[in-house]
Amino acid sequence: MPVAPVLMAQEAPKKIASGLLLATLGAIAFSGKAIIVKLAYRYGVDAVTLIMYRMLFALPIFALMGWWSSRGKPSLARKDYLGILGLGITGYYLASYLDFAGLSYITASLERLILYLNPTLVLLLGLLLYKRHIQRTQALGMAISYCGVLLVFGHEIKLEGSDVVLGTVLVFFSAVSYAVYLSFSGELVQRLGSLRLVGLATSVACLLCIAQFLVLRPWSAALVAPEVIWLSVLNATLCTAVPVVLVMMAIERVGASLASQAGMVGPMSTILMGVVILGEPFTVWVAMGTVLVIAGIFVFTRSGRSASS
């Protein structure tokens, strides 16, 4: 037997294992964002200031990513600039700001479960914009997932009151905003490449978040506790830039489907960190809601892959 096929067969399981590990680490790192935001709020900072610091520290990373991935590539056309601007606003600026604002009212656990509904929102946008058909199994998966979120939402509103409604609405529209980004980014991703698009669009969002602070807050609002600065640095690196790279490396090794399945660890890791680090309550309602959301998304994504195969 030739040596090359044997080596390739031996390397395949290692490649899959490393890809799944990267996807899992990326999901866990990204899930830490909500925990860091909740910790920073304990020092009296508001959403506008907090997201400004996160994006200020993330800007050099994503600007470098955009420059690096643009080397040797064709120059951007006018429609590319407009597309990057639009996607930067919807996918990263609005989605990030609404998420940060919502986290000041709800637990990290509920926030992660709401954001995990994103695939269902993309499908609903496809139905509204392109009249794409929804299969019965997809509808079933959606129903299961939304029941899980409603279960946790109903439990939190009893404990925390009407502020939970505002926080839930803000985070839900954050998910909608990111779903809009995913729905309209396909053509631009194919033309520019995912790394280049992420780097440029996120750089736009960083600049918008910094400009938002300069318009809405006095310079004195930038004087925050040292803990907020360090938490923002951690958020910008470990929970923003690093997950992007890890997930992209995972997709290169195992594909988007397997990488997304590994991402199911995200809600569970957020809940665990919320309990251990933030002291958030872990009740039977949270456990049941999490199981329903993850099960529903699993049914939803499995039915989507079956239809496309």
Protein backbone atom coordinates (compact mmCIF):
# COMPACT_ATOMS: atom_id res chain seq x y z
CA MET A 1 0.00 0.00 0.00
CA PRO A 2 1.36 3.50 -0.85
CA VAL A 3 2.71 5.45 2.11
CA ALA A 4 0.83 8.69 1.38
CA PRO A 5 -2.75 7.30 1.72
CA VAL A 6 -1.76 5.51 4.93
CA LEU A 7 -0.40 8.72 6.42
CA MET A 8 -3.51 10.61 5.34
CA ALA A 9 -5.75 7.99 6.95
CA GLN A 10 -3.74 8.22 10.17
CA GLU A 11 -3.86 12.03 10.17
CA ALA A 12 -7.63 12.26 9.54
CA PRO A 13 -8.74 11.38 13.12
CA LYS A 14 -6.14 13.77 14.54
CA LYS A 15 -7.41 16.51 12.25
CA ILE A 16 -11.01 15.93 13.32
CA ALA A 17 -10.06 15.82 16.99
CA SER A 18 -8.04 19.02 16.78
CA GLY A 19 -10.84 20.73 14.85
CA LEU A 20 -13.47 19.79 17.43
CA LEU A 21 -11.15 20.91 20.24
CA LEU A 22 -10.61 24.28 18.56
CA ALA A 23 -14.35 24.74 18.00
CA THR A 24 -15.10 23.84 21.63
CA LEU A 25 -12.45 26.22 22.97
CA GLY A 26 -13.76 28.96 20.67
CA ALA A 27 -17.32 28.48 21.93
CA ILE A 28 -16.19 28.55 25.56
CA ALA A 29 -14.03 31.65 25.01
CA PHE A 30 -16.84 33.48 23.25
CA SER A 31 -19.28 32.50 26.00
CA GLY A 32 -17.02 34.22 28.52
CA LYS A 33 -17.95 37.60 27.05
CA ALA A 34 -21.21 37.77 28.99
CA ILE A 35 -19.44 36.85 32.23
CA ILE A 36 -16.85 39.60 31.78
CA VAL A 37 -19.54 42.16 30.95
CA LYS A 38 -21.51 41.26 34.08
CA LEU A 39 -18.35 41.53 36.19
CA ALA A 40 -17.55 44.96 34.73
CA TYR A 41 -21.05 46.26 35.51
CA ARG A 42 -20.27 45.73 39.19
CA TYR A 43 -17.89 48.70 38.98
CA GLY A 44 -20.57 51.20 37.97
CA VAL A 45 -19.77 51.45 34.24
CA ASP A 46 -22.55 51.76 31.63
CA ALA A 47 -22.99 49.93 28.32
CA VAL A 48 -21.80 52.81 26.10
CA THR A 49 -18.53 53.19 28.00
CA LEU A 50 -17.95 49.47 28.42
CA ILE A 51 -18.39 48.61 24.75
CA MET A 52 -16.19 51.57 23.82
CA TYR A 53 -13.31 50.10 25.82
CA ARG A 54 -13.88 46.61 24.42
CA MET A 55 -13.82 47.89 20.84
CA LEU A 56 -10.92 50.27 21.51
CA PHE A 57 -8.71 47.35 22.53
CA ALA A 58 -10.09 45.08 19.79
CA LEU A 59 -9.58 47.62 16.98
CA PRO A 60 -5.82 47.04 16.47
CA ILE A 61 -6.37 43.28 16.32
CA PHE A 62 -9.12 43.41 13.70
CA ALA A 63 -7.45 46.19 11.71
CA LEU A 64 -4.33 44.02 11.50
CA MET A 65 -6.49 41.04 10.52
CA GLY A 66 -8.12 43.07 7.74
CA TRP A 67 -4.78 44.34 6.46
CA TRP A 68 -3.09 40.94 6.61
CA SER A 69 -5.89 39.16 4.76
CA SER A 70 -6.03 41.93 2.12
CA ARG A 71 -2.42 41.50 1.02
CA GLY A 72 -2.17 40.55 -2.64
CA LYS A 73 -5.95 40.73 -3.06
CA PRO A 74 -7.83 42.99 -5.51
CA SER A 75 -8.76 46.46 -4.29
CA LEU A 76 -12.21 46.94 -2.85
CA ALA A 77 -14.95 48.19 -5.19
CA ARG A 78 -17.48 50.83 -4.15
CA LYS A 79 -20.13 48.17 -3.49
CA ASP A 80 -17.63 46.34 -1.28
CA TYR A 81 -17.15 49.42 0.87
CA LEU A 82 -20.92 49.85 1.19
CA GLY A 83 -21.34 46.17 2.03
CA ILE A 84 -18.63 46.25 4.69
CA LEU A 85 -20.19 49.38 6.20
CA GLY A 86 -23.66 47.84 6.30
CA LEU A 87 -22.47 44.54 7.73
CA GLY A 88 -20.26 46.30 10.25
CA ILE A 89 -23.27 48.25 11.50
CA THR A 90 -25.69 45.32 11.73
CA GLY A 91 -23.43 42.39 12.51
CA TYR A 92 -21.04 43.91 15.03
CA TYR A 93 -22.00 47.43 16.10
CA LEU A 94 -25.73 47.06 16.73
CA ALA A 95 -25.50 43.41 17.75
CA SER A 96 -22.73 44.14 20.26
CA TYR A 97 -24.25 47.28 21.74
CA LEU A 98 -27.74 45.79 22.17
CA ASP A 99 -26.21 42.70 23.75
CA PHE A 100 -24.16 44.74 26.24
CA ALA A 101 -27.18 46.90 27.08
CA GLY A 102 -29.40 43.86 27.61
CA LEU A 103 -26.89 42.19 29.92
CA SER A 104 -27.40 44.96 32.45
CA TYR A 105 -30.93 43.62 33.02
CA ILE A 106 -30.77 39.82 32.61
CA THR A 107 -28.51 36.96 33.66
CA ALA A 108 -25.69 35.70 31.47
CA SER A 109 -27.49 32.35 31.21
CA LEU A 110 -30.65 33.81 29.65
CA GLU A 111 -28.56 36.03 27.35
CA ARG A 112 -26.65 33.05 25.97
CA LEU A 113 -29.83 31.03 25.40
CA ILE A 114 -31.40 33.92 23.46
CA LEU A 115 -28.32 34.39 21.27
CA TYR A 116 -28.23 30.65 20.64
CA LEU A 117 -31.52 31.01 18.75
CA ASN A 118 -29.61 32.75 15.94
CA PRO A 119 -29.91 29.94 13.35
CA THR A 120 -33.69 30.03 13.68
CA LEU A 121 -33.73 33.79 13.13
CA VAL A 122 -31.66 33.41 9.96
CA LEU A 123 -34.22 30.91 8.68
CA LEU A 124 -37.12 33.22 9.54
CA LEU A 125 -35.41 36.08 7.69
CA GLY A 126 -34.99 33.76 4.72
CA LEU A 127 -38.72 33.08 4.82
CA LEU A 128 -39.58 36.79 4.99
CA LEU A 129 -37.03 38.05 2.46
CA TYR A 130 -36.65 35.16 0.02
CA LYS A 131 -39.80 33.05 0.64
CA ARG A 132 -37.65 30.05 1.59
CA HIS A 133 -39.59 27.01 2.76
CA ILE A 134 -39.40 25.87 6.40
CA GLN A 135 -39.52 22.13 6.94
CA ARG A 136 -41.68 20.55 9.61
CA THR A 137 -38.68 19.26 11.55
CA GLN A 138 -37.12 22.73 11.43
CA ALA A 139 -40.34 24.24 12.76
CA LEU A 140 -40.39 21.59 15.50
CA GLY A 141 -36.80 22.39 16.48
CA MET A 142 -37.62 26.10 16.59
CA ALA A 143 -40.68 25.50 18.76
CA ILE A 144 -38.67 23.41 21.24
CA SER A 145 -35.91 26.03 21.48
CA TYR A 146 -38.26 28.98 21.95
CA CYS A 147 -40.14 27.08 24.66
CA GLY A 148 -36.81 26.67 26.47
CA VAL A 149 -36.09 30.40 26.34
CA LEU A 150 -39.63 31.24 27.48
CA LEU A 151 -39.23 28.86 30.40
CA VAL A 152 -36.08 30.60 31.66
CA PHE A 153 -37.57 34.03 30.85
CA GLY A 154 -40.70 33.29 32.88
CA HIS A 155 -38.60 32.17 35.83
CA GLU A 156 -36.39 35.30 35.73
CA ILE A 157 -39.27 37.72 35.43
CA LYS A 158 -40.74 36.32 38.64
CA LEU A 159 -37.44 36.89 40.42
CA GLU A 160 -36.23 40.17 38.90
CA GLY A 161 -39.38 41.94 37.69
CA SER A 162 -40.15 43.96 34.56
CA ASP A 163 -36.51 44.90 33.84
CA VAL A 164 -36.07 41.34 32.53
CA VAL A 165 -38.51 42.17 29.71
CA LEU A 166 -36.37 45.10 28.58
CA GLY A 167 -33.16 43.09 28.80
CA THR A 168 -34.68 40.19 26.89
CA VAL A 169 -35.96 42.47 24.13
CA LEU A 170 -32.56 44.14 23.76
CA VAL A 171 -30.67 40.84 23.54
CA PHE A 172 -33.28 39.37 21.18
CA PHE A 173 -32.85 42.31 18.80
CA SER A 174 -29.09 41.84 19.13
CA ALA A 175 -29.61 38.31 17.81
CA VAL A 176 -31.87 39.64 15.04
CA SER A 177 -29.22 42.18 14.04
CA TYR A 178 -26.57 39.47 13.80
CA ALA A 179 -28.98 37.27 11.84
CA VAL A 180 -29.36 40.13 9.33
CA TYR A 181 -25.58 40.19 9.01
CA LEU A 182 -25.46 36.44 8.35
CA SER A 183 -28.31 36.64 5.84
CA PHE A 184 -26.66 39.33 3.73
CA SER A 185 -22.99 38.43 4.12
CA GLY A 186 -22.89 35.37 1.85
CA GLU A 187 -22.00 37.10 -1.42
CA LEU A 188 -19.44 39.38 0.22
CA VAL A 189 -17.79 36.45 2.04
CA GLN A 190 -17.35 34.62 -1.26
CA ARG A 191 -15.85 37.69 -2.90
CA LEU A 192 -13.58 38.93 -0.09
CA GLY A 193 -13.01 35.85 2.09
CA SER A 194 -14.23 35.39 5.66
CA LEU A 195 -11.08 36.62 7.41
CA ARG A 196 -10.89 39.81 5.35
CA LEU A 197 -14.59 40.56 5.78
CA VAL A 198 -14.53 39.95 9.54
CA GLY A 199 -11.43 42.10 9.98
CA LEU A 200 -12.79 45.04 7.97
CA ALA A 201 -16.42 44.90 9.14
CA THR A 202 -15.42 44.58 12.79
CA SER A 203 -13.00 47.49 12.42
CA VAL A 204 -15.95 49.59 11.22
CA ALA A 205 -17.96 48.50 14.26
CA CYS A 206 -15.05 49.37 16.58
CA LEU A 207 -14.86 52.90 15.17
CA LEU A 208 -18.63 53.32 15.49
CA CYS A 209 -18.61 52.24 19.14
CA ILE A 210 -15.78 54.67 19.91
CA ALA A 211 -17.61 57.48 18.06
CA GLN A 212 -20.82 56.66 19.94
CA PHE A 213 -19.02 57.19 23.24
CA LEU A 214 -17.52 60.50 22.09
CA VAL A 215 -20.97 61.77 21.05
CA LEU A 216 -23.03 60.51 23.99
CA ARG A 217 -20.65 60.77 26.94
CA PRO A 218 -18.30 63.44 28.35
CA TRP A 219 -14.57 62.72 28.42
CA SER A 220 -14.82 62.27 32.18
CA ALA A 221 -16.90 59.10 31.63
CA ALA A 222 -13.73 57.40 30.40
CA LEU A 223 -12.38 57.50 33.94
CA VAL A 224 -13.35 54.06 35.15
CA ALA A 225 -12.05 51.59 37.71
CA PRO A 226 -8.80 49.81 36.72
CA GLU A 227 -10.70 46.53 36.88
CA VAL A 228 -12.92 47.68 34.01
CA ILE A 229 -9.86 48.32 31.84
CA TRP A 230 -8.39 44.89 32.47
CA LEU A 231 -11.72 43.18 31.98
CA SER A 232 -12.13 45.05 28.68
CA VAL A 233 -8.68 43.95 27.52
CA LEU A 234 -9.61 40.37 28.36
CA ASN A 235 -12.93 40.76 26.56
CA ALA A 236 -11.30 42.19 23.44
CA THR A 237 -8.69 39.46 23.22
CA LEU A 238 -9.79 36.20 24.82
CA CYS A 239 -13.54 36.60 24.20
CA THR A 240 -13.57 38.50 20.89
CA ALA A 241 -10.52 38.05 18.67
CA VAL A 242 -9.37 34.61 19.86
CA PRO A 243 -12.75 32.85 19.31
CA VAL A 244 -12.95 34.19 15.75
CA VAL A 245 -9.57 32.67 14.91
CA LEU A 246 -10.26 29.40 16.75
CA VAL A 247 -13.60 28.82 15.03
CA MET A 248 -12.19 29.64 11.61
CA MET A 249 -9.33 27.16 12.19
CA ALA A 250 -11.90 24.58 13.30
CA ILE A 251 -14.01 25.09 10.18
CA GLU A 252 -10.92 24.57 8.02
CA ARG A 253 -10.34 21.20 9.71
CA VAL A 254 -13.82 19.73 10.17
CA GLY A 255 -16.24 21.97 8.25
CA ALA A 256 -18.99 24.30 9.43
CA SER A 257 -21.46 21.55 10.45
CA LEU A 258 -19.21 19.75 12.93
CA ALA A 259 -17.85 23.06 14.22
CA SER A 260 -21.38 24.28 14.91
CA GLN A 261 -22.20 21.07 16.78
CA ALA A 262 -19.18 21.60 19.02
CA GLY A 263 -20.48 25.13 19.60
CA MET A 264 -23.41 23.63 21.50
CA VAL A 265 -21.15 23.67 24.55
CA GLY A 266 -21.52 27.48 24.56
CA PRO A 267 -24.74 27.84 26.58
CA MET A 268 -23.65 25.21 29.07
CA SER A 269 -20.27 26.87 29.63
CA THR A 270 -21.93 30.27 30.11
CA ILE A 271 -24.32 28.86 32.69
CA LEU A 272 -21.49 27.09 34.52
CA MET A 273 -19.33 30.23 34.58
CA GLY A 274 -22.36 32.28 35.65
CA VAL A 275 -22.93 30.01 38.62
CA VAL A 276 -19.25 29.70 39.64
CA ILE A 277 -17.99 33.23 38.89
CA LEU A 278 -21.09 35.44 39.17
CA GLY A 279 -23.04 33.44 41.73
CA GLU A 280 -26.10 33.26 39.47
CA PRO A 281 -28.71 30.74 40.64
CA PHE A 282 -28.85 27.39 38.86
CA THR A 283 -32.41 26.18 39.16
CA VAL A 284 -34.38 23.36 37.65
CA TRP A 285 -36.02 25.95 35.35
CA VAL A 286 -32.65 27.05 33.96
CA ALA A 287 -31.60 23.42 33.50
CA MET A 288 -34.85 22.50 31.72
CA GLY A 289 -34.71 25.60 29.53
CA THR A 290 -31.12 24.91 28.54
CA VAL A 291 -31.90 21.30 27.63
CA LEU A 292 -34.86 22.42 25.50
CA VAL A 293 -32.88 25.12 23.67
CA ILE A 294 -29.94 22.83 22.89
CA ALA A 295 -32.23 19.95 21.88
CA GLY A 296 -34.29 22.23 19.66
CA ILE A 297 -31.26 23.67 17.89
CA PHE A 298 -29.89 20.16 17.42
CA VAL A 299 -33.15 19.02 15.76
CA PHE A 300 -33.23 22.23 13.73
CA THR A 301 -29.67 21.96 12.40
CA ARG A 302 -29.93 18.22 11.74
CA SER A 303 -33.05 18.72 9.64
CA GLY A 304 -31.35 21.53 7.69
CA ARG A 305 -28.35 19.31 6.87
CA SER A 306 -30.60 16.42 5.84
CA ALA A 307 -32.43 18.66 3.38
CA SER A 308 -29.23 19.96 1.80
CA SER A 309 -27.60 16.53 1.46
